[in-house]
Amino acid sequence: METEKSYESLLILIGWINVSFALVFFQLFCGIIAICMGIVLRNDYHAKKHGLVLIIVGIIVGIAGWVLNYLYL
């Protein structure tokens, strides 16, 4: 049970790091990874709300980062 909790927090951390990277760096890749982390958290762990938030924010930030990259380059 303790291992599952540490894996859950690791997935949350990786998801939010990818969300922050999706705004600046590899928008499509990091946005998709953040969405996948949210899906795994919703389906396999007991973090349904956090997974849903990670999915929604991953989509929004991935698209926003892509648009900002298109406008400023």
Protein backbone atom coordinates (compact mmCIF):
# COMPACT_ATOMS: atom_id res chain seq x y z
CA MET A 1 0.00 0.00 0.00
CA GLU A 2 2.86 2.39 0.79
CA THR A 3 4.49 1.62 -2.57
CA GLU A 4 1.26 2.43 -4.40
CA LYS A 5 1.09 5.80 -2.63
CA SER A 6 4.69 6.63 -3.61
CA TYR A 7 3.99 5.66 -7.23
CA GLU A 8 0.87 7.82 -7.18
CA SER A 9 2.79 10.84 -5.95
CA LEU A 10 5.53 10.17 -8.52
CA LEU A 11 2.95 10.10 -11.33
CA ILE A 12 1.43 13.33 -10.05
CA LEU A 13 4.86 14.98 -9.97
CA ILE A 14 5.75 13.79 -13.48
CA GLY A 15 2.37 14.95 -14.76
CA TRP A 16 2.72 18.47 -13.36
CA ILE A 17 6.32 18.77 -14.59
CA ASN A 18 5.10 17.87 -18.07
CA VAL A 19 2.31 20.42 -17.79
CA SER A 20 4.83 23.13 -16.98
CA PHE A 21 7.12 22.02 -19.81
CA ALA A 22 4.20 21.94 -22.25
CA LEU A 23 3.81 25.68 -21.91
CA VAL A 24 7.39 26.46 -22.92
CA PHE A 25 9.19 23.51 -24.49
CA PHE A 26 7.93 20.37 -26.27
CA GLN A 27 4.24 21.32 -26.37
CA LEU A 28 2.70 18.34 -28.09
CA PHE A 29 4.85 15.67 -26.45
CA CYS A 30 4.64 17.03 -22.90
CA GLY A 31 0.93 17.75 -23.23
CA ILE A 32 0.25 14.17 -24.30
CA ILE A 33 2.39 12.79 -21.46
CA ALA A 34 0.48 14.93 -18.94
CA ILE A 35 -2.83 13.67 -20.33
CA CYS A 36 -1.60 10.06 -20.13
CA MET A 37 -0.52 10.55 -16.50
CA GLY A 38 -3.99 11.88 -15.73
CA ILE A 39 -5.62 8.87 -17.39
CA VAL A 40 -3.43 6.45 -15.44
CA LEU A 41 -4.19 8.27 -12.18
CA ARG A 42 -7.93 8.13 -12.88
CA ASN A 43 -8.04 4.49 -13.91
CA ASP A 44 -5.41 2.72 -11.81
CA TYR A 45 -5.09 4.81 -8.63
CA HIS A 46 -7.52 6.44 -6.21
CA ALA A 47 -6.92 9.94 -7.54
CA LYS A 48 -9.95 10.47 -9.78
CA LYS A 49 -10.27 14.24 -9.25
CA HIS A 50 -6.54 14.90 -9.54
CA GLY A 51 -6.36 12.79 -12.69
CA LEU A 52 -9.25 14.70 -14.25
CA VAL A 53 -7.64 18.04 -13.41
CA LEU A 54 -4.35 16.86 -14.90
CA ILE A 55 -6.12 15.77 -18.11
CA ILE A 56 -7.95 19.08 -18.51
CA VAL A 57 -4.93 21.24 -17.66
CA GLY A 58 -2.72 19.12 -19.94
CA ILE A 59 -5.06 19.74 -22.87
CA ILE A 60 -5.41 23.46 -22.20
CA VAL A 61 -1.71 24.11 -21.59
CA GLY A 62 -0.64 21.94 -24.53
CA ILE A 63 -2.87 23.90 -26.91
CA ALA A 64 -1.92 27.26 -25.35
CA GLY A 65 1.78 26.45 -25.57
CA TRP A 66 1.40 25.37 -29.18
CA VAL A 67 -0.42 28.61 -30.05
CA LEU A 68 2.14 30.74 -28.20
CA ASN A 69 4.96 28.93 -29.97
CA TYR A 70 3.28 29.53 -33.32
CA LEU A 71 2.72 33.24 -32.62
CA TYR A 72 6.16 34.07 -31.27
CA LEU A 73 8.40 32.10 -33.65
